[in-house]
N, C-alpha and C. Protein backbone atom coordinates (compact mmCIF):
# COMPACT_ATOMS: atom_id res chain seq x y z
N MET A 1 -11.28 6.97 -10.57
CA MET A 1 -10.82 7.56 -9.27
C MET A 1 -10.53 8.93 -9.91
N VAL A 2 -10.78 9.57 -8.78
CA VAL A 2 -10.95 11.11 -8.69
C VAL A 2 -9.37 11.50 -9.14
N ALA A 3 -8.40 10.84 -8.23
CA ALA A 3 -6.97 11.06 -8.20
C ALA A 3 -6.45 10.90 -9.62
N ARG A 4 -6.86 9.99 -10.03
CA ARG A 4 -6.31 9.65 -11.54
C ARG A 4 -6.81 10.70 -12.57
N GLU A 5 -8.12 10.93 -12.43
CA GLU A 5 -8.76 11.82 -13.58
C GLU A 5 -8.23 13.13 -13.28
N ALA A 6 -7.70 13.42 -12.17
CA ALA A 6 -7.36 14.90 -11.70
C ALA A 6 -5.76 14.98 -12.37
N GLY A 7 -5.12 13.63 -12.71
CA GLY A 7 -3.97 13.82 -13.02
C GLY A 7 -2.66 13.59 -12.02
N ALA A 8 -3.06 13.13 -10.69
CA ALA A 8 -2.33 13.07 -9.66
C ALA A 8 -1.17 12.11 -9.99
N LYS A 9 -0.02 12.32 -9.61
CA LYS A 9 0.98 11.27 -9.65
C LYS A 9 0.79 10.42 -8.90
N TYR A 10 0.45 10.66 -7.66
CA TYR A 10 0.55 9.47 -6.56
C TYR A 10 -0.84 9.67 -5.70
N VAL A 11 -1.53 8.66 -5.40
CA VAL A 11 -2.49 8.35 -4.34
C VAL A 11 -2.13 7.72 -3.28
N ALA A 12 -2.39 8.16 -2.15
CA ALA A 12 -2.02 7.14 -0.88
C ALA A 12 -3.42 6.62 -0.08
N THR A 13 -3.04 5.33 0.50
CA THR A 13 -4.30 4.68 1.16
C THR A 13 -3.56 4.23 2.50
N TYR A 14 -4.40 4.53 3.43
CA TYR A 14 -4.20 4.29 4.78
C TYR A 14 -4.55 2.75 5.05
N VAL A 15 -3.57 1.83 5.12
CA VAL A 15 -3.82 0.39 4.91
C VAL A 15 -4.32 -0.12 6.43
N ASN A 16 -3.69 0.26 7.53
CA ASN A 16 -4.04 -0.14 8.63
C ASN A 16 -5.64 0.36 9.18
N ARG A 17 -5.71 1.63 8.92
CA ARG A 17 -6.98 2.20 9.16
C ARG A 17 -8.27 1.54 8.20
N ALA A 18 -7.79 1.36 6.96
CA ALA A 18 -8.79 0.34 6.02
C ALA A 18 -9.08 -0.78 6.68
N GLU A 19 -7.69 -1.50 7.03
CA GLU A 19 -8.20 -3.04 7.44
C GLU A 19 -9.32 -2.99 8.86
N ASN A 20 -8.95 -1.80 9.78
CA ASN A 20 -9.89 -1.69 10.96
C ASN A 20 -11.39 -1.37 10.50
N LYS A 21 -11.58 -0.57 9.56
CA LYS A 21 -12.87 -0.22 9.07
C LYS A 21 -13.74 -1.27 8.10
N LEU A 22 -12.90 -1.88 7.28
CA LEU A 22 -13.32 -2.32 5.96
C LEU A 22 -13.38 -3.87 6.20
N GLY A 23 -12.16 -4.31 6.96
CA GLY A 23 -11.80 -5.47 7.19
C GLY A 23 -10.94 -6.19 5.93
N ASP A 24 -11.02 -5.56 4.63
CA ASP A 24 -10.11 -6.17 3.74
C ASP A 24 -9.25 -5.24 3.23
N SER A 25 -8.25 -4.72 3.66
CA SER A 25 -7.63 -3.66 2.84
C SER A 25 -6.84 -4.22 1.87
N LEU A 26 -6.27 -5.69 1.80
CA LEU A 26 -5.56 -5.93 0.67
C LEU A 26 -6.58 -5.94 -0.84
N GLY A 27 -7.67 -6.64 -0.30
CA GLY A 27 -8.88 -6.46 -1.43
C GLY A 27 -8.92 -5.16 -1.93
N MET A 28 -8.93 -4.17 -1.12
CA MET A 28 -9.35 -2.51 -1.44
C MET A 28 -7.80 -2.30 -2.35
N LEU A 29 -6.83 -2.90 -1.89
CA LEU A 29 -5.64 -2.23 -2.57
C LEU A 29 -5.78 -2.94 -3.88
N ARG A 30 -5.84 -4.09 -4.16
CA ARG A 30 -6.16 -4.85 -5.58
C ARG A 30 -6.82 -4.35 -6.31
N ASP A 31 -8.13 -3.66 -5.85
CA ASP A 31 -9.13 -2.95 -6.74
C ASP A 31 -8.44 -1.49 -7.05
N MET A 32 -7.87 -0.87 -6.37
CA MET A 32 -7.39 0.30 -6.55
C MET A 32 -6.22 0.13 -7.81
N LEU A 33 -5.66 -1.02 -7.41
CA LEU A 33 -4.27 -0.81 -8.53
C LEU A 33 -5.08 -1.24 -9.77
N TYR A 34 -6.05 -2.28 -9.89
CA TYR A 34 -6.69 -2.43 -11.18
C TYR A 34 -7.19 -1.38 -11.75
N SER A 35 -8.13 -0.40 -10.71
CA SER A 35 -8.42 1.01 -11.20
C SER A 35 -7.50 1.92 -11.83
N LEU A 36 -6.13 2.05 -11.30
CA LEU A 36 -5.11 2.77 -11.89
C LEU A 36 -4.40 2.13 -13.10
N GLN A 37 -4.58 1.01 -13.23
CA GLN A 37 -3.92 0.51 -14.49
C GLN A 37 -4.08 1.46 -15.62
N GLY A 38 -2.92 1.62 -16.60
CA GLY A 38 -3.10 2.26 -17.51
C GLY A 38 -3.00 3.85 -17.44
N SER A 39 -2.82 4.14 -16.17
CA SER A 39 -2.68 5.46 -15.91
C SER A 39 -1.24 6.01 -15.25
N ALA A 40 -1.13 7.02 -15.30
CA ALA A 40 0.36 7.54 -14.48
C ALA A 40 0.24 7.59 -13.17
N THR A 41 -0.83 7.48 -12.69
CA THR A 41 -1.19 7.55 -10.92
C THR A 41 -0.70 6.26 -10.63
N GLU A 42 0.42 6.35 -9.59
CA GLU A 42 0.79 5.56 -8.83
C GLU A 42 0.32 5.48 -7.21
N LEU A 43 0.12 4.36 -6.64
CA LEU A 43 -0.40 3.96 -5.53
C LEU A 43 0.60 3.72 -4.54
N ILE A 44 0.50 4.34 -3.26
CA ILE A 44 1.36 4.48 -2.04
C ILE A 44 0.42 3.73 -0.90
N ALA A 45 1.36 2.88 -0.30
CA ALA A 45 0.28 2.33 0.59
C ALA A 45 1.33 2.67 2.19
N ALA A 46 0.32 3.53 3.00
CA ALA A 46 0.85 3.92 4.26
C ALA A 46 0.04 3.50 5.56
N SER A 47 0.49 4.17 6.59
CA SER A 47 -0.48 3.29 7.65
C SER A 47 0.07 1.85 7.93
N ILE A 48 1.09 1.52 7.65
CA ILE A 48 1.82 0.43 7.70
C ILE A 48 2.01 0.21 9.31
N LYS A 49 1.82 -1.20 9.95
CA LYS A 49 1.75 -1.06 11.16
C LYS A 49 2.88 -2.52 11.69
N SER A 50 2.99 -3.13 10.93
CA SER A 50 3.89 -4.48 11.21
C SER A 50 4.94 -5.03 9.94
N ALA A 51 5.76 -5.47 9.99
CA ALA A 51 6.40 -6.12 8.88
C ALA A 51 5.56 -7.16 7.96
N ASP A 52 4.51 -7.80 8.68
CA ASP A 52 3.94 -8.77 8.31
C ASP A 52 3.00 -8.09 7.26
N GLU A 53 2.33 -6.94 7.77
CA GLU A 53 1.55 -6.16 6.94
C GLU A 53 2.08 -5.56 5.75
N ALA A 54 3.65 -5.04 5.81
CA ALA A 54 4.06 -4.73 4.82
C ALA A 54 4.44 -5.61 3.90
N ARG A 55 4.71 -6.98 4.06
CA ARG A 55 5.18 -8.11 3.29
C ARG A 55 3.86 -8.26 2.62
N SER A 56 2.65 -8.41 2.98
CA SER A 56 1.04 -8.79 2.45
C SER A 56 0.68 -7.48 1.26
N VAL A 57 1.21 -6.14 1.91
CA VAL A 57 0.96 -5.22 0.71
C VAL A 57 2.17 -5.31 -0.44
N LEU A 58 3.12 -5.56 -0.07
CA LEU A 58 4.26 -5.85 -1.30
C LEU A 58 3.70 -7.02 -2.31
N LEU A 59 3.44 -7.95 -1.73
CA LEU A 59 2.86 -9.10 -2.41
C LEU A 59 1.23 -9.00 -3.30
N SER A 60 0.71 -7.71 -2.58
CA SER A 60 -0.44 -7.73 -3.27
C SER A 60 -0.36 -6.89 -4.77
N GLY A 61 1.00 -6.09 -4.67
CA GLY A 61 1.28 -5.87 -5.94
C GLY A 61 1.56 -3.91 -6.08
N VAL A 62 1.47 -3.62 -4.51
CA VAL A 62 1.71 -2.03 -4.46
C VAL A 62 3.05 -1.64 -4.52
N PRO A 63 3.61 -0.99 -5.48
CA PRO A 63 4.79 -0.44 -5.68
C PRO A 63 5.81 0.33 -4.62
N HIS A 64 4.84 1.03 -3.68
CA HIS A 64 5.63 2.15 -3.05
C HIS A 64 4.60 2.00 -1.66
N LEU A 65 5.66 1.90 -0.55
CA LEU A 65 5.21 1.61 0.83
C LEU A 65 5.71 2.89 1.59
N ALA A 66 5.06 3.55 2.60
CA ALA A 66 5.36 4.53 3.36
C ALA A 66 5.24 3.73 4.81
N VAL A 67 6.56 3.28 5.26
CA VAL A 67 6.47 2.72 6.59
C VAL A 67 7.40 3.29 7.75
N PRO A 68 7.29 3.42 8.86
CA PRO A 68 7.95 3.69 9.82
C PRO A 68 9.34 2.86 10.07
N TYR A 69 10.43 3.44 10.33
CA TYR A 69 11.58 2.62 10.65
C TYR A 69 11.57 1.66 11.47
N THR A 70 10.85 1.52 12.65
CA THR A 70 10.70 0.33 13.00
C THR A 70 9.94 -0.73 12.64
N VAL A 71 8.97 -0.39 11.99
CA VAL A 71 8.64 -1.79 10.98
C VAL A 71 9.88 -1.99 9.83
N LEU A 72 10.65 -1.30 9.47
CA LEU A 72 11.53 -1.88 8.39
C LEU A 72 12.46 -2.83 9.14
N ILE A 73 12.89 -2.57 10.61
CA ILE A 73 13.71 -3.22 11.04
C ILE A 73 13.14 -4.34 12.11
N GLU A 74 12.13 -4.52 11.86
CA GLU A 74 11.28 -5.62 12.77
C GLU A 74 11.67 -6.51 12.32
N ASP A 75 11.92 -6.89 10.94
CA ASP A 75 11.96 -8.44 10.51
C ASP A 75 13.21 -8.48 9.58
N ASP A 76 14.19 -8.71 9.99
CA ASP A 76 15.55 -8.69 9.08
C ASP A 76 15.62 -9.58 7.67
N GLU A 77 14.42 -10.56 7.69
CA GLU A 77 14.16 -11.34 7.06
C GLU A 77 13.44 -10.79 5.74
N SER A 78 12.64 -9.53 6.38
CA SER A 78 11.59 -9.16 5.28
C SER A 78 11.95 -8.67 3.84
N PRO A 79 11.28 -8.75 2.84
CA PRO A 79 11.95 -8.29 1.48
C PRO A 79 11.93 -6.92 1.24
N ILE A 80 11.21 -6.16 2.55
CA ILE A 80 11.33 -4.85 2.59
C ILE A 80 12.91 -4.46 2.90
N VAL A 81 13.53 -5.11 3.91
CA VAL A 81 14.73 -4.58 4.38
C VAL A 81 16.06 -5.22 3.34
N ARG A 82 15.71 -6.34 2.43
CA ARG A 82 16.75 -6.94 1.74
C ARG A 82 16.93 -5.80 0.49
């Protein structure tokens, strides 16, 4: 990945947009995490539109999420809120 090779600290991916265009955003995230193993570059998942989507992203192993407040409070049982 270019970001890793350039020494970027973070790389962001737009989850909802990827899901709409590719149909398998979680697979893409897992591939990205695999590609970033052993580097200092960390993955941030953005464009998350629901608590269910955020939960799935967390369970896929992504360490950082950028979510709107409305998604954070959507499900008070969410692992994001706890």
